[in-house]
PDB file of N, CA and C in Angstrom:
ATOM      1  N   MET A   1     -72.581 -89.949  97.039  1.00  0.00           N
ATOM      2  CA  MET A   1     -73.018 -89.047  98.610  1.00  0.00           C
ATOM      3  C   MET A   1     -73.436 -87.592  98.461  1.00  0.00           C
ATOM      4  N   THR A   2     -74.527 -87.002  98.727  1.00  0.00           N
ATOM      5  CA  THR A   2     -74.564 -85.913  99.050  1.00  0.00           C
ATOM      6  C   THR A   2     -75.004 -85.469 100.665  1.00  0.00           C
ATOM      7  N   ILE A   3     -73.869 -84.609 101.184  1.00  0.00           N
ATOM      8  CA  ILE A   3     -74.193 -83.984 102.419  1.00  0.00           C
ATOM      9  C   ILE A   3     -75.835 -83.148 102.375  1.00  0.00           C
ATOM     10  N   LYS A   4     -76.415 -83.877 103.571  1.00  0.00           N
ATOM     11  CA  LYS A   4     -77.716 -82.845 103.812  1.00  0.00           C
ATOM     12  C   LYS A   4     -77.496 -82.024 104.887  1.00  0.00           C
ATOM     13  N   PRO A   5     -78.494 -81.095 105.108  1.00  0.00           N
ATOM     14  CA  PRO A   5     -78.564 -80.252 107.082  1.00  0.00           C
ATOM     15  C   PRO A   5     -79.144 -81.642 107.787  1.00  0.00           C
ATOM     16  N   ARG A   6     -78.770 -81.525 108.648  1.00  0.00           N
ATOM     17  CA  ARG A   6     -78.933 -82.512 109.624  1.00  0.00           C
ATOM     18  C   ARG A   6     -80.808 -82.513 110.091  1.00  0.00           C
ATOM     19  N   GLU A   7     -81.006 -82.568 110.374  1.00  0.00           N
ATOM     20  CA  GLU A   7     -82.723 -83.074 110.491  1.00  0.00           C
ATOM     21  C   GLU A   7     -82.772 -82.192 111.942  1.00  0.00           C
ATOM     22  N   LYS A   8     -84.090 -81.292 112.049  1.00  0.00           N
ATOM     23  CA  LYS A   8     -83.921 -80.500 113.439  1.00  0.00           C
ATOM     24  C   LYS A   8     -84.864 -80.895 113.993  1.00  0.00           C
ATOM     25  N   PHE A   9     -84.947 -81.550 115.136  1.00  0.00           N
ATOM     26  CA  PHE A   9     -85.757 -82.489 116.170  1.00  0.00           C
ATOM     27  C   PHE A   9     -86.462 -81.518 117.054  1.00  0.00           C
ATOM     28  N   ASP A  10     -86.174 -80.821 117.573  1.00  0.00           N
ATOM     29  CA  ASP A  10     -86.595 -80.072 119.001  1.00  0.00           C
ATOM     30  C   ASP A  10     -86.749 -78.119 117.993  1.00  0.00           C
ATOM     31  N   ASN A  11     -86.673 -78.313 116.780  1.00  0.00           N
ATOM     32  CA  ASN A  11     -86.769 -76.946 116.113  1.00  0.00           C
ATOM     33  C   ASN A  11     -85.690 -75.941 116.695  1.00  0.00           C
ATOM     34  N   ASP A  12     -84.677 -76.492 116.700  1.00  0.00           N
ATOM     35  CA  ASP A  12     -83.721 -75.371 117.396  1.00  0.00           C
ATOM     36  C   ASP A  12     -82.297 -75.716 116.085  1.00  0.00           C
ATOM     37  N   ASP A  13     -82.173 -74.217 115.604  1.00  0.00           N
ATOM     38  CA  ASP A  13     -81.330 -74.441 114.756  1.00  0.00           C
ATOM     39  C   ASP A  13     -79.945 -74.401 115.359  1.00  0.00           C
ATOM     40  N   ASP A  14     -78.856 -74.627 114.286  1.00  0.00           N
ATOM     41  CA  ASP A  14     -77.861 -74.936 114.727  1.00  0.00           C
ATOM     42  C   ASP A  14     -77.321 -73.743 114.252  1.00  0.00           C
ATOM     43  N   PRO A  15     -76.457 -72.867 115.314  1.00  0.00           N
ATOM     44  CA  PRO A  15     -76.189 -71.682 115.428  1.00  0.00           C
ATOM     45  C   PRO A  15     -75.043 -71.434 113.925  1.00  0.00           C
ATOM     46  N   VAL A  16     -73.868 -72.458 113.600  1.00  0.00           N
ATOM     47  CA  VAL A  16     -72.935 -72.638 112.686  1.00  0.00           C
ATOM     48  C   VAL A  16     -73.802 -72.605 111.163  1.00  0.00           C
ATOM     49  N   GLU A  17     -75.392 -73.223 111.239  1.00  0.00           N
ATOM     50  CA  GLU A  17     -75.523 -73.294 109.703  1.00  0.00           C
ATOM     51  C   GLU A  17     -76.595 -72.481 109.627  1.00  0.00           C
ATOM     52  N   SER A  18     -76.675 -71.861 110.871  1.00  0.00           N
ATOM     53  CA  SER A  18     -77.652 -70.063 110.704  1.00  0.00           C
ATOM     54  C   SER A  18     -77.257 -68.915 110.248  1.00  0.00           C
ATOM     55  N   MET A  19     -76.034 -69.398 110.563  1.00  0.00           N
ATOM     56  CA  MET A  19     -74.825 -68.094 110.236  1.00  0.00           C
ATOM     57  C   MET A  19     -74.354 -68.181 108.964  1.00  0.00           C
ATOM     58  N   LEU A  20     -74.283 -69.225 108.401  1.00  0.00           N
ATOM     59  CA  LEU A  20     -73.585 -69.559 106.964  1.00  0.00           C
ATOM     60  C   LEU A  20     -74.830 -69.665 105.991  1.00  0.00           C
ATOM     61  N   LYS A  21     -76.037 -69.796 106.444  1.00  0.00           N
ATOM     62  CA  LYS A  21     -77.106 -69.218 105.711  1.00  0.00           C
ATOM     63  C   LYS A  21     -77.111 -68.145 105.449  1.00  0.00           C
ATOM     64  N   ARG A  22     -76.636 -66.933 106.675  1.00  0.00           N
ATOM     65  CA  ARG A  22     -77.271 -65.713 106.440  1.00  0.00           C
ATOM     66  C   ARG A  22     -76.082 -65.608 105.900  1.00  0.00           C
ATOM     67  N   ALA A  23     -75.263 -66.376 105.620  1.00  0.00           N
ATOM     68  CA  ALA A  23     -74.159 -65.374 104.564  1.00  0.00           C
ATOM     69  C   ALA A  23     -73.770 -65.668 103.398  1.00  0.00           C
ATOM     70  N   GLY A  24     -74.569 -66.569 103.047  1.00  0.00           N
ATOM     71  CA  GLY A  24     -74.666 -66.796 102.028  1.00  0.00           C
ATOM     72  C   GLY A  24     -74.198 -68.025 101.311  1.00  0.00           C
ATOM     73  N   CYS A  25     -72.871 -68.602 102.151  1.00  0.00           N
ATOM     74  CA  CYS A  25     -72.286 -69.892 101.877  1.00  0.00           C
ATOM     75  C   CYS A  25     -72.949 -70.952 102.566  1.00  0.00           C
ATOM     76  N   LEU A  26     -74.254 -71.257 102.897  1.00  0.00           N
ATOM     77  CA  LEU A  26     -74.212 -72.757 103.184  1.00  0.00           C
ATOM     78  C   LEU A  26     -74.182 -73.729 102.432  1.00  0.00           C
ATOM     79  N   ASP A  27     -74.417 -73.926 101.040  1.00  0.00           N
ATOM     80  CA  ASP A  27     -74.252 -74.645 100.134  1.00  0.00           C
ATOM     81  C   ASP A  27     -72.594 -74.827  99.872  1.00  0.00           C
ATOM     82  N   LEU A  28     -71.635 -74.155  99.971  1.00  0.00           N
ATOM     83  CA  LEU A  28     -70.329 -73.993  99.469  1.00  0.00           C
ATOM     84  C   LEU A  28     -69.891 -74.836 100.695  1.00  0.00           C
ATOM     85  N   HIS A  29     -70.314 -74.919 101.695  1.00  0.00           N
ATOM     86  CA  HIS A  29     -70.423 -75.226 103.088  1.00  0.00           C
ATOM     87  C   HIS A  29     -70.082 -76.908 102.861  1.00  0.00           C
ATOM     88  N   TYR A  30     -71.400 -77.594 102.361  1.00  0.00           N
ATOM     89  CA  TYR A  30     -72.232 -78.811 102.163  1.00  0.00           C
ATOM     90  C   TYR A  30     -71.095 -79.003 101.183  1.00  0.00           C
ATOM     91  N   LYS A  31     -70.975 -78.641  99.926  1.00  0.00           N
ATOM     92  CA  LYS A  31     -69.632 -79.146  98.796  1.00  0.00           C
ATOM     93  C   LYS A  31     -68.523 -79.188  99.790  1.00  0.00           C
ATOM     94  N   VAL A  32     -67.984 -78.214 100.530  1.00  0.00           N
ATOM     95  CA  VAL A  32     -66.974 -78.788 101.484  1.00  0.00           C
ATOM     96  C   VAL A  32     -66.945 -79.858 101.771  1.00  0.00           C
ATOM     97  N   GLN A  33     -67.771 -80.494 102.514  1.00  0.00           N
ATOM     98  CA  GLN A  33     -68.193 -81.770 103.728  1.00  0.00           C
ATOM     99  C   GLN A  33     -68.624 -82.637 102.257  1.00  0.00           C
ATOM    100  N   GLU A  34     -68.990 -82.659 101.046  1.00  0.00           N
ATOM    101  CA  GLU A  34     -69.049 -83.751 100.608  1.00  0.00           C
ATOM    102  C   GLU A  34     -68.196 -83.969  99.766  1.00  0.00           C
ATOM    103  N   CYS A  35     -67.244 -83.153  99.510  1.00  0.00           N
ATOM    104  CA  CYS A  35     -65.933 -83.684  98.703  1.00  0.00           C
ATOM    105  C   CYS A  35     -64.617 -83.967  99.592  1.00  0.00           C
ATOM    106  N   ILE A  36     -64.890 -83.767 100.798  1.00  0.00           N
ATOM    107  CA  ILE A  36     -63.873 -84.851 101.984  1.00  0.00           C
ATOM    108  C   ILE A  36     -64.609 -86.156 102.165  1.00  0.00           C
ATOM    109  N   ALA A  37     -65.859 -86.337 101.924  1.00  0.00           N
ATOM    110  CA  ALA A  37     -66.689 -87.347 102.683  1.00  0.00           C
ATOM    111  C   ALA A  37     -66.637 -88.385 101.291  1.00  0.00           C
ATOM    112  N   THR A  38     -66.647 -87.888 100.413  1.00  0.00           N
ATOM    113  CA  THR A  38     -65.902 -88.502  99.344  1.00  0.00           C
ATOM    114  C   THR A  38     -64.589 -88.864  98.749  1.00  0.00           C
ATOM    115  N   THR A  39     -63.842 -87.946  98.986  1.00  0.00           N
ATOM    116  CA  THR A  39     -62.399 -88.580  98.459  1.00  0.00           C
ATOM    117  C   THR A  39     -61.646 -89.016  99.394  1.00  0.00           C
ATOM    118  N   LYS A  40     -62.265 -88.534 101.150  1.00  0.00           N
ATOM    119  CA  LYS A  40     -61.723 -89.532 102.089  1.00  0.00           C
ATOM    120  C   LYS A  40     -60.222 -88.244 102.342  1.00  0.00           C
ATOM    121  N   ASP A  41     -60.203 -86.658 101.716  1.00  0.00           N
ATOM    122  CA  ASP A  41     -59.100 -86.366 101.704  1.00  0.00           C
ATOM    123  C   ASP A  41     -59.092 -84.648 101.619  1.00  0.00           C
ATOM    124  N   TRP A  42     -59.060 -84.378 102.924  1.00  0.00           N
ATOM    125  CA  TRP A  42     -59.084 -82.684 102.652  1.00  0.00           C
ATOM    126  C   TRP A  42     -58.711 -82.005 101.467  1.00  0.00           C
ATOM    127  N   ARG A  43     -56.999 -82.380 101.404  1.00  0.00           N
ATOM    128  CA  ARG A  43     -56.062 -81.748 100.671  1.00  0.00           C
ATOM    129  C   ARG A  43     -57.176 -82.413  99.191  1.00  0.00           C
ATOM    130  N   LYS A  44     -57.389 -83.073  98.524  1.00  0.00           N
ATOM    131  CA  LYS A  44     -58.373 -82.947  97.428  1.00  0.00           C
ATOM    132  C   LYS A  44     -59.136 -82.266  96.941  1.00  0.00           C
ATOM    133  N   CYS A  45     -59.443 -81.301  98.123  1.00  0.00           N
ATOM    134  CA  CYS A  45     -60.952 -80.164  97.728  1.00  0.00           C
ATOM    135  C   CYS A  45     -60.281 -78.898  97.900  1.00  0.00           C
ATOM    136  N   GLN A  46     -59.362 -78.421  97.429  1.00  0.00           N
ATOM    137  CA  GLN A  46     -59.073 -77.189  98.044  1.00  0.00           C
ATOM    138  C   GLN A  46     -59.822 -76.231  97.059  1.00  0.00           C
ATOM    139  N   ASP A  47     -60.292 -76.749  96.262  1.00  0.00           N
ATOM    140  CA  ASP A  47     -61.030 -75.372  95.252  1.00  0.00           C
ATOM    141  C   ASP A  47     -62.325 -75.336  95.937  1.00  0.00           C
ATOM    142  N   GLU A  48     -63.172 -76.130  96.412  1.00  0.00           N
ATOM    143  CA  GLU A  48     -64.356 -76.010  97.411  1.00  0.00           C
ATOM    144  C   GLU A  48     -63.885 -75.166  98.527  1.00  0.00           C
ATOM    145  N   VAL A  49     -62.698 -75.906  99.113  1.00  0.00           N
ATOM    146  CA  VAL A  49     -62.202 -74.786 100.088  1.00  0.00           C
ATOM    147  C   VAL A  49     -61.885 -73.497  99.927  1.00  0.00           C
ATOM    148  N   ASN A  50     -61.589 -73.237  99.124  1.00  0.00           N
ATOM    149  CA  ASN A  50     -61.177 -72.152  98.584  1.00  0.00           C
ATOM    150  C   ASN A  50     -62.156 -71.043  98.125  1.00  0.00           C
ATOM    151  N   ASP A  51     -63.396 -71.621  97.544  1.00  0.00           N
ATOM    152  CA  ASP A  51     -64.491 -71.029  97.262  1.00  0.00           C
ATOM    153  C   ASP A  51     -65.378 -70.913  98.477  1.00  0.00           C
ATOM    154  N   PHE A  52     -65.439 -71.904  99.672  1.00  0.00           N
ATOM    155  CA  PHE A  52     -66.238 -71.606 100.718  1.00  0.00           C
ATOM    156  C   PHE A  52     -65.512 -70.247 101.399  1.00  0.00           C
ATOM    157  N   LYS A  53     -64.174 -70.167 101.697  1.00  0.00           N
ATOM    158  CA  LYS A  53     -63.376 -69.013 101.970  1.00  0.00           C
ATOM    159  C   LYS A  53     -63.816 -67.599 101.417  1.00  0.00           C
ATOM    160  N   GLU A  54     -63.330 -67.627 100.109  1.00  0.00           N
ATOM    161  CA  GLU A  54     -64.165 -66.499  99.470  1.00  0.00           C
ATOM    162  C   GLU A  54     -65.232 -65.823  99.889  1.00  0.00           C
ATOM    163  N   CYS A  55     -66.344 -66.849  99.971  1.00  0.00           N
ATOM    164  CA  CYS A  55     -67.373 -66.484 100.255  1.00  0.00           C
ATOM    165  C   CYS A  55     -67.568 -65.976 101.850  1.00  0.00           C
ATOM    166  N   ILE A  56     -67.037 -66.986 102.759  1.00  0.00           N
ATOM    167  CA  ILE A  56     -67.142 -65.843 104.127  1.00  0.00           C
ATOM    168  C   ILE A  56     -66.042 -64.636 104.281  1.00  0.00           C
ATOM    169  N   THR A  57     -65.103 -64.562 103.373  1.00  0.00           N
ATOM    170  CA  THR A  57     -63.833 -63.331 103.215  1.00  0.00           C
ATOM    171  C   THR A  57     -65.062 -62.212 102.872  1.00  0.00           C
ATOM    172  N   LYS A  58     -65.771 -62.390 101.877  1.00  0.00           N
ATOM    173  CA  LYS A  58     -66.405 -61.476 101.156  1.00  0.00           C
ATOM    174  C   LYS A  58     -67.884 -61.224 101.892  1.00  0.00           C
ATOM    175  N   HIS A  59     -68.012 -62.099 102.739  1.00  0.00           N
ATOM    176  CA  HIS A  59     -69.466 -61.865 103.795  1.00  0.00           C
ATOM    177  C   HIS A  59     -68.616 -60.824 105.171  1.00  0.00           C
ATOM    178  N   LYS A  60     -67.413 -61.304 105.575  1.00  0.00           N
ATOM    179  CA  LYS A  60     -67.042 -60.495 106.910  1.00  0.00           C
ATOM    180  C   LYS A  60     -66.741 -58.972 106.338  1.00  0.00           C
ATOM    181  N   GLN A  61     -66.032 -59.050 104.969  1.00  0.00           N
ATOM    182  CA  GLN A  61     -65.989 -57.405 104.821  1.00  0.00           C
ATOM    183  C   GLN A  61     -67.194 -56.877 104.442  1.00  0.00           C
ATOM    184  N   GLU A  62     -68.349 -57.530 104.050  1.00  0.00           N
ATOM    185  CA  GLU A  62     -69.336 -56.941 103.591  1.00  0.00           C
ATOM    186  C   GLU A  62     -70.163 -56.303 105.325  1.00  0.00           C
ATOM    187  N   GLU A  63     -69.614 -57.492 106.176  1.00  0.00           N
ATOM    188  CA  GLU A  63     -70.267 -56.671 107.397  1.00  0.00           C
ATOM    189  C   GLU A  63     -69.679 -55.639 108.403  1.00  0.00           C
ATOM    190  N   PHE A  64     -68.284 -55.529 107.831  1.00  0.00           N
ATOM    191  CA  PHE A  64     -67.329 -54.844 108.122  1.00  0.00           C
ATOM    192  C   PHE A  64     -67.861 -53.698 107.912  1.00  0.00           C
ATOM    193  N   ASN A  65     -67.901 -53.289 105.853  1.00  0.00           N
ATOM    194  CA  ASN A  65     -68.356 -52.115 105.634  1.00  0.00           C
ATOM    195  C   ASN A  65     -69.475 -51.548 106.385  1.00  0.00           C
ATOM    196  N   LYS A  66     -70.757 -52.305 106.401  1.00  0.00           N
ATOM    197  CA  LYS A  66     -71.960 -52.380 107.060  1.00  0.00           C
ATOM    198  C   LYS A  66     -71.561 -50.919 108.742  1.00  0.00           C
ATOM    199  N   SER A  67     -70.770 -51.572 109.221  1.00  0.00           N
ATOM    200  CA  SER A  67     -70.726 -51.476 110.291  1.00  0.00           C
ATOM    201  C   SER A  67     -69.889 -50.038 110.723  1.00  0.00           C
ATOM    202  N   LYS A  68     -69.315 -49.394 109.493  1.00  0.00           N
ATOM    203  CA  LYS A  68     -68.675 -48.337 109.735  1.00  0.00           C
ATOM    204  C   LYS A  68     -69.123 -47.604 109.054  1.00  0.00           C
ATOM    205  N   ARG A  69     -70.874 -47.772 108.813  1.00  0.00           N
ATOM    206  CA  ARG A  69     -71.443 -46.130 108.478  1.00  0.00           C
ATOM    207  C   ARG A  69     -72.124 -46.092 109.639  1.00  0.00           C
TER     208      ARG A  69
END
């Protein structure tokens, strides 16, 4: 099963998907979703969850560093 971005009907971007795309973490988000859909158990997806968490944390730190300049 492959999780794909939801279809856009009104050309409205999902704000969460837009933020994750800007952060460079959207593919990791889909991997988490796909793992959970496949295994039916989020506890079996800790590698994917941790990779996603690291990506978000890195993005937040980069944004923080930019705001300090």
